[in-house]
Amino acid sequence: MNNSTTPQAPLLGVIADDFTGATDVASMLVRAGLRVLQVIGVPTGPLPAVDAVVVALKSRTTPAADAVAESLAALQWLQAGGVQRFYFKYCSTFDSTPAGNIGPVAEALLDALGSPFSIACPAFPENGRSIYRGHLFVGDALLSDTGMREHPLTPMTDANLVRVLQAQSRGKVGLVRHDCVAQGPDAIRARFATLRTEGVTLAVVDALDNTDLTRLADACADLPLVTAGSGLALGLPAAYATRGWLDAAQLAEACASGRAAQLDQIGGRGVVLAGSCSTATLGQIARWKSADRPALRINPLDLAAPGDSPQAHEHKLAALTAQCLAWAHRQLRQGDVLIHASAPADEVRAVQAQLGVQAAGAQVEHLFARIAQGLVADGVGRLVVAGGETSGAVVQALGVQRLLVGASICPGVPWTQAQGRPLLLALKSGNFGGPDFFADALALTA
């Protein structure tokens, strides 16, 4: 996107706290015309010659200290490659706990960059996430009145983002209200200046639609670091172009042609692996089954029981993996299939009561990782994976290190391709997509 004929360092480096969040933000940048590569985990070696690099970490639910260390390692790699602007990406439902990890990671990145101030804006209006007076809404409901209240790892019981972020931050958290945002970039920048004089380190910013995010993108484009959901990413390339950091004509052509989103065509049957227990994913599973499509449900209690020895657990894991693969092999002769461990909140709590919260999730992730390995070995070239933790486990098990990012299936969810391999992956945040997402995604690549 740069006018120079020599390879340039990527302008923007994104550090994402889970794998679906990484593809989410990458899809927005591709849609805005950037060439984007997503890398898995903290990489080594030189940066690729693209406009933006997204580093996909699995740090959303790890201990805060581990999340900070991994995020700083990603930052150091990006800095060593000459990246000048940075973006910490988290979920549009601000998934976190009083211990973090959004506040600790954001503050650690600011400290490492020597920057005193940044924003916090998870708004993603195209997916119904908006912020008003510092409160996060999902559609017409406060975040705390949605299914996120029952999230098994990061239950969100408070919609006041200033309060949530302050609980996990050392520095002072402030607010940029919508009446200021509506006045445009100059007013937003003036508010930033006021907040900085008041000692504010992170400012939650209201946003109701993409126009608000475009204003905000222009206002914060000069900041070394922004922290946000994926919605803000759609407006940043144009803001960078106005500053001469990107070629505006090339950017417009790339948007119009869709050139930045081209992937290989890979046929064959597809498989959906669903580990998310979000309301949206449960609805997508129900819609798939209502159309009499093949579906197999996994019971986590078949994987482990309290007091199991490691040997007993491994035996159960191997046996259930073999059963799932045998079922899929038979069913794939007829069409695409779904394998899921997703269940309503009360059933999830019952399993967690027996196995423990972390152990229950880990059991399912290990199983899906092995199933994915078996499916790909059997020739499956298209996988739809629902859930951030599940997606991370699958991608790591398949040894995928770099993803080319293609066109969006729906806002926030693109198809991606494992670089150099005939393997397409759609990594879906549990809360994203309409009722027919699974079938629609597979139909796009059939």
Protein backbone atom coordinates (compact mmCIF):
# COMPACT_ATOMS: atom_id res chain seq x y z
CA MET A 1 0.00 0.00 0.00
CA ASN A 2 3.09 2.19 0.27
CA ASN A 3 4.32 3.95 -2.90
CA SER A 4 7.86 2.63 -2.46
CA THR A 5 9.02 -0.32 -4.57
CA THR A 6 11.01 -1.76 -1.68
CA PRO A 7 9.40 -3.87 1.04
CA GLN A 8 8.11 -1.76 3.91
CA ALA A 9 7.46 -2.67 7.51
CA PRO A 10 3.77 -3.15 8.25
CA LEU A 11 2.26 0.12 9.40
CA LEU A 12 -0.03 -1.47 11.99
CA GLY A 13 0.62 -4.27 14.45
CA VAL A 14 -2.38 -5.79 16.23
CA ILE A 15 -2.13 -7.88 19.39
CA ALA A 16 -5.33 -9.90 19.82
CA ASP A 17 -6.19 -11.75 23.02
CA ASP A 18 -7.78 -14.77 21.32
CA PHE A 19 -7.85 -16.46 17.93
CA THR A 20 -11.38 -15.58 16.86
CA GLY A 21 -10.80 -12.00 17.94
CA ALA A 22 -7.71 -11.92 15.76
CA THR A 23 -9.57 -13.03 12.63
CA ASP A 24 -12.36 -10.60 13.58
CA VAL A 25 -10.10 -7.54 13.53
CA ALA A 26 -8.16 -8.84 10.54
CA SER A 27 -11.38 -9.09 8.54
CA MET A 28 -12.19 -5.45 9.24
CA LEU A 29 -8.74 -4.33 8.07
CA VAL A 30 -9.03 -6.44 4.90
CA ARG A 31 -12.45 -4.94 4.26
CA ALA A 32 -10.87 -1.49 4.53
CA GLY A 33 -8.37 -2.46 1.82
CA LEU A 34 -5.28 -3.55 3.74
CA ARG A 35 -3.18 -6.62 3.01
CA VAL A 36 -3.21 -8.53 6.31
CA LEU A 37 -1.43 -11.60 7.63
CA GLN A 38 -2.42 -13.24 10.89
CA VAL A 39 0.28 -15.06 12.85
CA ILE A 40 -0.40 -17.57 15.60
CA GLY A 41 1.32 -17.01 18.90
CA VAL A 42 4.43 -14.89 19.42
CA PRO A 43 6.40 -15.38 16.20
CA THR A 44 10.09 -15.20 15.39
CA GLY A 45 11.91 -14.06 12.30
CA PRO A 46 11.24 -11.11 10.01
CA LEU A 47 7.86 -9.46 9.58
CA PRO A 48 6.03 -10.12 6.30
CA ALA A 49 5.67 -7.43 3.63
CA VAL A 50 2.03 -6.58 4.26
CA ASP A 51 0.16 -3.52 5.51
CA ALA A 52 -0.86 -4.98 8.87
CA VAL A 53 0.09 -7.97 10.99
CA VAL A 54 -2.29 -9.46 13.54
CA VAL A 55 -0.70 -11.53 16.31
CA ALA A 56 -3.23 -14.03 17.66
CA LEU A 57 -2.61 -14.89 21.30
CA LYS A 58 -4.59 -17.14 23.62
CA SER A 59 -4.38 -14.72 26.53
CA ARG A 60 -7.97 -13.70 27.26
CA THR A 61 -8.47 -16.14 30.13
CA THR A 62 -4.89 -16.92 31.18
CA PRO A 63 -3.52 -15.48 34.46
CA ALA A 64 -3.01 -11.73 34.08
CA ALA A 65 0.76 -11.95 34.53
CA ASP A 66 1.02 -14.51 31.72
CA ALA A 67 -1.20 -12.40 29.45
CA VAL A 68 1.01 -9.36 30.07
CA ALA A 69 4.23 -11.26 29.39
CA GLU A 70 2.94 -12.76 26.14
CA SER A 71 1.52 -9.44 24.94
CA LEU A 72 4.81 -7.66 25.64
CA ALA A 73 6.70 -10.35 23.72
CA ALA A 74 4.40 -9.77 20.74
CA LEU A 75 4.95 -6.02 21.02
CA GLN A 76 8.73 -6.45 21.05
CA TRP A 77 8.60 -8.56 17.86
CA LEU A 78 6.45 -5.96 16.13
CA GLN A 79 8.71 -3.10 17.26
CA ALA A 80 11.82 -4.95 16.09
CA GLY A 81 10.24 -5.18 12.64
CA GLY A 82 9.67 -1.43 12.42
CA VAL A 83 5.93 -1.25 13.19
CA GLN A 84 4.93 2.24 14.36
CA ARG A 85 1.26 1.93 15.37
CA PHE A 86 -0.22 -0.67 17.69
CA TYR A 87 -3.68 -2.00 18.47
CA PHE A 88 -4.66 -4.18 21.43
CA LYS A 89 -7.78 -6.10 20.35
CA TYR A 90 -10.24 -7.63 22.82
CA CYS A 91 -13.81 -8.86 22.51
CA SER A 92 -16.75 -6.56 21.78
CA THR A 93 -18.35 -7.91 24.96
CA PHE A 94 -15.26 -6.82 26.95
CA ASP A 95 -14.74 -10.35 28.29
CA SER A 96 -12.70 -10.05 31.46
CA THR A 97 -12.74 -10.43 35.23
CA PRO A 98 -11.87 -8.03 38.09
CA ALA A 99 -8.31 -9.36 37.85
CA GLY A 100 -7.98 -8.57 34.12
CA ASN A 101 -6.83 -9.12 31.55
CA ILE A 102 -7.77 -6.00 29.58
CA GLY A 103 -6.55 -3.39 32.06
CA PRO A 104 -3.23 -5.04 32.97
CA VAL A 105 -2.31 -5.72 29.34
CA ALA A 106 -3.29 -2.24 28.14
CA GLU A 107 -1.27 -0.56 30.89
CA ALA A 108 1.74 -2.80 30.29
CA LEU A 109 1.71 -1.96 26.58
CA LEU A 110 1.44 1.75 27.32
CA ASP A 111 4.38 1.54 29.74
CA ALA A 112 6.50 -0.33 27.18
CA LEU A 113 5.71 2.28 24.51
CA GLY A 114 6.35 5.19 26.87
CA SER A 115 2.86 6.48 26.16
CA PRO A 116 0.70 8.03 28.89
CA PHE A 117 -2.77 7.59 27.40
CA SER A 118 -5.05 5.45 25.25
CA ILE A 119 -8.69 4.65 24.64
CA ALA A 120 -10.89 1.65 25.40
CA CYS A 121 -13.70 1.11 22.93
CA PRO A 122 -15.14 -2.38 22.32
CA ALA A 123 -18.05 -1.00 20.27
CA PHE A 124 -18.98 -3.00 17.16
CA PRO A 125 -22.29 -1.53 15.94
CA GLU A 126 -22.61 -3.92 12.99
CA ASN A 127 -22.89 -6.73 15.51
CA GLY A 128 -25.13 -4.79 17.87
CA ARG A 129 -22.44 -3.70 20.34
CA SER A 130 -22.72 -0.02 21.24
CA ILE A 131 -21.53 2.15 24.12
CA TYR A 132 -23.52 5.01 25.65
CA ARG A 133 -22.52 6.94 28.78
CA GLY A 134 -19.90 4.26 29.30
CA HIS A 135 -22.41 1.40 29.33
CA LEU A 136 -22.07 -1.46 26.86
CA PHE A 137 -25.23 -2.59 25.08
CA VAL A 138 -25.82 -5.75 23.06
CA GLY A 139 -28.71 -4.81 20.83
CA ASP A 140 -31.22 -3.10 23.11
CA ALA A 141 -30.04 -4.86 26.28
CA LEU A 142 -27.32 -3.94 28.70
CA LEU A 143 -24.43 -6.41 28.55
CA SER A 144 -25.24 -7.56 32.07
CA ASP A 145 -28.76 -8.57 30.94
CA THR A 146 -27.54 -10.85 28.12
CA GLY A 147 -26.25 -14.40 27.99
CA MET A 148 -22.78 -13.03 28.79
CA ARG A 149 -23.94 -12.89 32.40
CA GLU A 150 -23.66 -16.70 32.37
CA HIS A 151 -20.34 -16.99 30.55
CA PRO A 152 -18.48 -19.96 32.07
CA LEU A 153 -15.09 -18.21 32.23
CA THR A 154 -15.70 -14.46 32.12
CA PRO A 155 -19.23 -13.72 33.35
CA MET A 156 -20.09 -10.08 32.62
CA THR A 157 -22.45 -8.89 35.34
CA ASP A 158 -21.75 -5.15 35.02
CA ALA A 159 -22.37 -3.12 31.85
CA ASN A 160 -20.56 -0.01 33.15
CA LEU A 161 -17.22 -0.25 31.33
CA VAL A 162 -15.61 2.56 33.31
CA ARG A 163 -16.29 0.64 36.50
CA VAL A 164 -15.24 -2.71 35.01
CA LEU A 165 -11.99 -1.35 33.60
CA GLN A 166 -11.19 0.65 36.74
CA ALA A 167 -11.43 -2.51 38.86
CA GLN A 168 -8.60 -4.11 36.87
CA SER A 169 -6.41 -1.03 36.22
CA ARG A 170 -3.78 0.78 38.28
CA GLY A 171 -4.30 4.13 36.58
CA LYS A 172 -7.39 6.30 36.43
CA VAL A 173 -10.13 5.44 33.92
CA GLY A 174 -12.21 8.21 32.32
CA LEU A 175 -15.04 8.62 29.82
CA VAL A 176 -15.55 10.37 26.48
CA ARG A 177 -19.33 10.75 26.21
CA HIS A 178 -21.33 10.55 23.02
CA ASP A 179 -22.21 14.24 22.98
CA CYS A 180 -18.48 14.89 22.58
CA VAL A 181 -17.96 12.13 19.99
CA ALA A 182 -20.81 13.54 17.89
CA GLN A 183 -18.95 16.84 17.55
CA GLY A 184 -16.14 15.18 15.62
CA PRO A 185 -12.40 14.42 15.85
CA ASP A 186 -11.29 17.84 17.08
CA ALA A 187 -13.68 17.74 20.02
CA ILE A 188 -12.61 14.19 20.84
CA ARG A 189 -8.94 15.19 20.80
CA ALA A 190 -9.71 18.13 23.07
CA ARG A 191 -11.44 15.78 25.49
CA PHE A 192 -8.41 13.49 25.40
CA ALA A 193 -6.22 16.44 26.38
CA THR A 194 -8.51 17.34 29.28
CA LEU A 195 -8.59 13.77 30.56
CA ARG A 196 -4.80 13.55 30.42
CA THR A 197 -4.48 16.67 32.58
CA GLU A 198 -6.81 14.94 35.06
CA GLY A 199 -4.46 11.97 35.26
CA VAL A 200 -6.56 9.59 33.18
CA THR A 201 -4.61 6.74 31.56
CA LEU A 202 -7.44 4.90 29.76
CA ALA A 203 -10.62 6.52 28.45
CA VAL A 204 -13.74 4.55 27.61
CA VAL A 205 -15.29 6.11 24.50
CA ASP A 206 -18.99 6.04 23.56
CA ALA A 207 -19.91 4.89 20.04
CA LEU A 208 -23.34 4.14 18.62
CA ASP A 209 -22.60 3.57 14.93
CA ASN A 210 -19.82 3.39 12.35
CA THR A 211 -19.88 7.17 11.93
CA ASP A 212 -18.86 7.52 15.57
CA LEU A 213 -16.07 4.98 15.08
CA THR A 214 -14.83 6.84 12.00
CA ARG A 215 -14.64 10.07 14.02
CA LEU A 216 -12.83 8.24 16.80
CA ALA A 217 -10.40 6.58 14.38
CA ASP A 218 -9.35 9.99 13.08
CA ALA A 219 -9.05 11.37 16.61
CA CYS A 220 -6.81 8.57 17.87
CA ALA A 221 -4.79 7.69 14.75
CA ASP A 222 -1.77 9.54 16.13
CA LEU A 223 -1.79 7.61 19.40
CA PRO A 224 0.95 4.94 19.52
CA LEU A 225 -1.56 2.47 20.97
CA VAL A 226 -5.31 2.05 20.74
CA THR A 227 -7.23 -0.62 22.61
CA ALA A 228 -10.57 -1.66 21.17
CA GLY A 229 -12.81 -4.30 19.72
CA SER A 230 -12.67 -4.84 15.98
CA GLY A 231 -15.12 -2.08 14.99
CA LEU A 232 -12.55 0.71 15.24
CA ALA A 233 -10.26 -1.07 12.78
CA LEU A 234 -12.59 -0.32 9.87
CA GLY A 235 -11.89 3.42 10.12
CA LEU A 236 -8.17 3.44 10.88
CA PRO A 237 -6.80 2.83 7.34
CA ALA A 238 -8.59 5.90 5.97
CA ALA A 239 -7.32 7.96 8.92
CA TYR A 240 -3.78 6.76 8.22
CA ALA A 241 -4.21 7.64 4.53
CA THR A 242 -5.13 11.25 5.39
CA ARG A 243 -1.80 11.50 7.17
CA GLY A 244 0.08 10.15 4.13
CA TRP A 245 1.02 6.86 5.78
CA LEU A 246 -0.97 4.84 3.25
CA ASP A 247 -1.72 5.50 -0.42
CA ALA A 248 -5.36 6.62 -0.54
CA ALA A 249 -5.86 5.70 -4.23
CA GLN A 250 -4.48 2.19 -3.74
CA LEU A 251 -6.58 1.79 -0.63
CA ALA A 252 -9.76 2.73 -2.53
CA GLU A 253 -8.92 0.35 -5.38
CA ALA A 254 -8.27 -2.52 -3.00
CA CYS A 255 -11.61 -1.91 -1.28
CA ALA A 256 -13.49 -1.81 -4.59
CA SER A 257 -11.84 -4.89 -6.10
CA GLY A 258 -11.70 -7.09 -3.02
CA ARG A 259 -8.15 -7.95 -4.05
CA ALA A 260 -6.92 -8.08 -0.46
CA ALA A 261 -9.42 -10.83 0.40
CA GLN A 262 -8.61 -13.46 -2.23
CA LEU A 263 -8.01 -17.04 -1.04
CA ASP A 264 -7.58 -20.37 -2.85
CA GLN A 265 -10.67 -22.38 -3.78
CA ILE A 266 -10.74 -25.57 -1.71
CA GLY A 267 -13.60 -28.01 -2.27
CA GLY A 268 -14.78 -31.10 -0.46
CA ARG A 269 -16.95 -31.58 2.58
CA GLY A 270 -16.89 -29.24 5.55
CA VAL A 271 -17.13 -29.75 9.30
CA VAL A 272 -18.37 -27.46 12.05
CA LEU A 273 -16.75 -27.84 15.48
CA ALA A 274 -18.63 -25.92 18.16
CA GLY A 275 -17.36 -25.52 21.71
CA SER A 276 -18.97 -22.18 22.51
CA CYS A 277 -21.97 -22.11 24.85
CA SER A 278 -23.07 -18.62 23.87
CA THR A 279 -26.69 -17.89 23.09
CA ALA A 280 -25.87 -17.21 19.44
CA THR A 281 -24.01 -20.49 18.96
CA LEU A 282 -26.75 -22.49 20.68
CA GLY A 283 -29.24 -20.94 18.27
CA GLN A 284 -27.02 -21.79 15.30
CA ILE A 285 -26.78 -25.40 16.44
CA ALA A 286 -30.55 -25.59 16.83
CA ARG A 287 -31.06 -24.19 13.32
CA TRP A 288 -28.60 -26.71 11.85
CA LYS A 289 -30.43 -29.59 13.51
CA SER A 290 -33.86 -28.27 12.53
CA ALA A 291 -32.83 -28.70 8.89
CA ASP A 292 -32.07 -32.40 9.57
CA ARG A 293 -28.36 -31.89 8.99
CA PRO A 294 -26.02 -34.43 10.67
CA ALA A 295 -24.99 -33.40 14.19
CA LEU A 296 -23.18 -35.19 16.99
CA ARG A 297 -23.22 -33.89 20.56
CA ILE A 298 -20.34 -34.56 22.94
CA ASN A 299 -20.89 -34.89 26.68
CA PRO A 300 -17.80 -33.63 28.57
CA LEU A 301 -18.52 -36.14 31.33
CA ASP A 302 -17.69 -38.90 28.85
CA LEU A 303 -14.16 -37.50 28.81
CA ALA A 304 -13.43 -37.45 32.51
CA ALA A 305 -14.84 -38.11 35.93
CA PRO A 306 -13.68 -36.82 39.32
CA GLY A 307 -10.72 -38.89 40.48
CA ASP A 308 -9.74 -40.21 37.04
CA SER A 309 -6.08 -41.06 36.71
CA PRO A 310 -4.15 -39.54 33.78
CA GLN A 311 -4.16 -42.97 32.16
CA ALA A 312 -7.95 -43.27 32.50
CA HIS A 313 -8.46 -39.82 31.07
CA GLU A 314 -6.19 -40.54 28.11
CA HIS A 315 -8.07 -43.77 27.39
CA LYS A 316 -11.42 -41.96 27.41
CA LEU A 317 -10.05 -39.17 25.24
CA ALA A 318 -8.68 -41.57 22.65
CA ALA A 319 -11.87 -43.63 22.59
CA LEU A 320 -14.19 -40.66 22.19
CA THR A 321 -11.96 -39.13 19.51
CA ALA A 322 -12.11 -42.38 17.53
CA GLN A 323 -15.89 -42.54 17.88
CA CYS A 324 -16.33 -38.95 16.66
CA LEU A 325 -14.02 -39.46 13.69
CA ALA A 326 -15.72 -42.69 12.68
CA TRP A 327 -19.13 -40.99 12.83
CA ALA A 328 -17.85 -38.02 10.80
CA HIS A 329 -16.26 -40.28 8.19
CA ARG A 330 -19.59 -42.02 7.58
CA GLN A 331 -21.68 -38.87 7.55
CA LEU A 332 -19.35 -36.84 5.33
CA ARG A 333 -20.19 -39.12 2.42
CA GLN A 334 -23.56 -37.40 2.35
CA GLY A 335 -22.76 -33.81 3.28
CA ASP A 336 -21.32 -31.36 5.80
CA VAL A 337 -21.52 -32.22 9.52
CA LEU A 338 -21.56 -30.60 12.95
CA ILE A 339 -19.83 -31.86 16.11
CA HIS A 340 -20.56 -29.85 19.25
CA ALA A 341 -20.08 -29.79 23.00
CA SER A 342 -22.18 -26.63 23.37
CA ALA A 343 -24.95 -26.80 25.95
CA PRO A 344 -27.27 -24.44 27.88
CA ALA A 345 -25.87 -22.63 30.92
CA ASP A 346 -27.48 -24.90 33.52
CA GLU A 347 -25.96 -28.01 31.94
CA VAL A 348 -22.56 -26.32 31.70
CA ARG A 349 -22.68 -25.43 35.39
CA ALA A 350 -23.52 -29.03 36.28
CA VAL A 351 -20.47 -30.27 34.40
CA GLN A 352 -18.27 -27.59 35.95
CA ALA A 353 -19.48 -28.56 39.41
CA GLN A 354 -18.13 -32.08 38.85
CA LEU A 355 -14.94 -31.36 36.91
CA GLY A 356 -14.10 -27.75 37.82
CA VAL A 357 -14.45 -24.71 35.58
CA GLN A 358 -11.00 -24.78 34.00
CA ALA A 359 -10.79 -28.56 33.74
CA ALA A 360 -14.16 -28.88 32.03
CA GLY A 361 -13.15 -26.40 29.32
CA ALA A 362 -9.72 -27.95 28.88
CA GLN A 363 -11.20 -31.43 28.38
CA VAL A 364 -13.37 -30.23 25.52
CA GLU A 365 -10.54 -28.24 23.93
CA HIS A 366 -8.25 -31.30 23.95
CA LEU A 367 -10.94 -33.39 22.33
CA PHE A 368 -11.68 -30.89 19.56
CA ALA A 369 -7.96 -30.51 18.91
CA ARG A 370 -7.60 -34.24 18.28
CA ILE A 371 -10.78 -34.41 16.22
CA ALA A 372 -9.52 -31.58 14.02
CA GLN A 373 -6.22 -33.37 13.49
CA GLY A 374 -8.05 -36.53 12.47
CA LEU A 375 -10.42 -34.72 10.14
CA VAL A 376 -7.63 -32.92 8.28
CA ALA A 377 -5.66 -36.16 8.00
CA ASP A 378 -8.81 -37.67 6.46
CA GLY A 379 -8.87 -34.97 3.80
CA VAL A 380 -11.27 -32.39 5.22
CA GLY A 381 -10.20 -28.98 3.93
CA ARG A 382 -12.87 -26.66 5.38
CA LEU A 383 -13.44 -26.22 9.11
CA VAL A 384 -15.82 -23.82 10.88
CA VAL A 385 -14.89 -23.49 14.56
CA ALA A 386 -17.19 -21.77 17.05
CA GLY A 387 -15.68 -20.36 20.24
CA GLY A 388 -12.44 -18.54 20.99
CA GLU A 389 -10.92 -21.17 23.24
CA THR A 390 -11.96 -23.98 20.89
CA SER A 391 -10.53 -22.11 17.90
CA GLY A 392 -7.23 -21.60 19.67
CA ALA A 393 -6.96 -25.29 20.54
CA VAL A 394 -7.79 -26.37 16.98
CA VAL A 395 -5.39 -23.98 15.25
CA GLN A 396 -2.53 -24.90 17.55
CA ALA A 397 -3.18 -28.63 17.18
CA LEU A 398 -3.11 -28.30 13.40
CA GLY A 399 0.24 -26.56 13.53
CA VAL A 400 -1.09 -23.48 11.74
CA GLN A 401 1.33 -20.60 12.18
CA ARG A 402 0.11 -18.06 9.64
CA LEU A 403 -3.32 -17.30 8.20
CA LEU A 404 -4.20 -15.38 5.07
CA VAL A 405 -7.39 -13.45 5.75
CA GLY A 406 -10.22 -13.50 3.22
CA ALA A 407 -13.67 -12.05 2.80
CA SER A 408 -16.17 -11.79 5.64
CA ILE A 409 -18.89 -14.37 6.12
CA CYS A 410 -20.64 -11.93 8.44
CA PRO A 411 -19.35 -8.86 10.30
CA GLY A 412 -16.35 -9.98 12.34
CA VAL A 413 -15.93 -13.48 10.89
CA PRO A 414 -13.89 -14.09 7.72
CA TRP A 415 -12.74 -17.22 5.99
CA THR A 416 -8.99 -17.65 6.40
CA GLN A 417 -6.47 -19.97 4.79
CA ALA A 418 -3.51 -21.65 6.43
CA GLN A 419 -0.59 -20.19 4.50
CA GLY A 420 0.83 -22.73 2.06
CA ARG A 421 -1.80 -25.38 2.84
CA PRO A 422 -5.14 -26.45 1.29
CA LEU A 423 -7.01 -25.69 4.50
CA LEU A 424 -9.71 -23.07 5.06
CA LEU A 425 -10.70 -22.05 8.58
CA ALA A 426 -13.59 -19.90 9.79
CA LEU A 427 -12.90 -19.05 13.43
CA LYS A 428 -16.09 -17.68 14.94
CA SER A 429 -16.53 -15.84 18.20
CA GLY A 430 -19.34 -17.60 20.02
CA ASN A 431 -21.57 -14.53 20.04
CA PHE A 432 -21.26 -13.71 16.33
CA GLY A 433 -23.34 -14.66 13.31
CA GLY A 434 -26.99 -15.15 12.47
CA PRO A 435 -29.02 -18.34 13.00
CA ASP A 436 -27.89 -19.90 9.69
CA PHE A 437 -24.22 -18.98 10.08
CA PHE A 438 -22.86 -22.53 9.86
CA ALA A 439 -24.67 -23.41 6.65
CA ASP A 440 -24.05 -19.98 5.13
CA ALA A 441 -20.31 -20.16 5.85
CA LEU A 442 -19.89 -23.56 4.24
CA ALA A 443 -22.02 -22.57 1.26
CA LEU A 444 -19.67 -19.67 0.49
CA THR A 445 -16.76 -22.06 -0.14
CA ALA A 446 -18.65 -25.02 -1.62
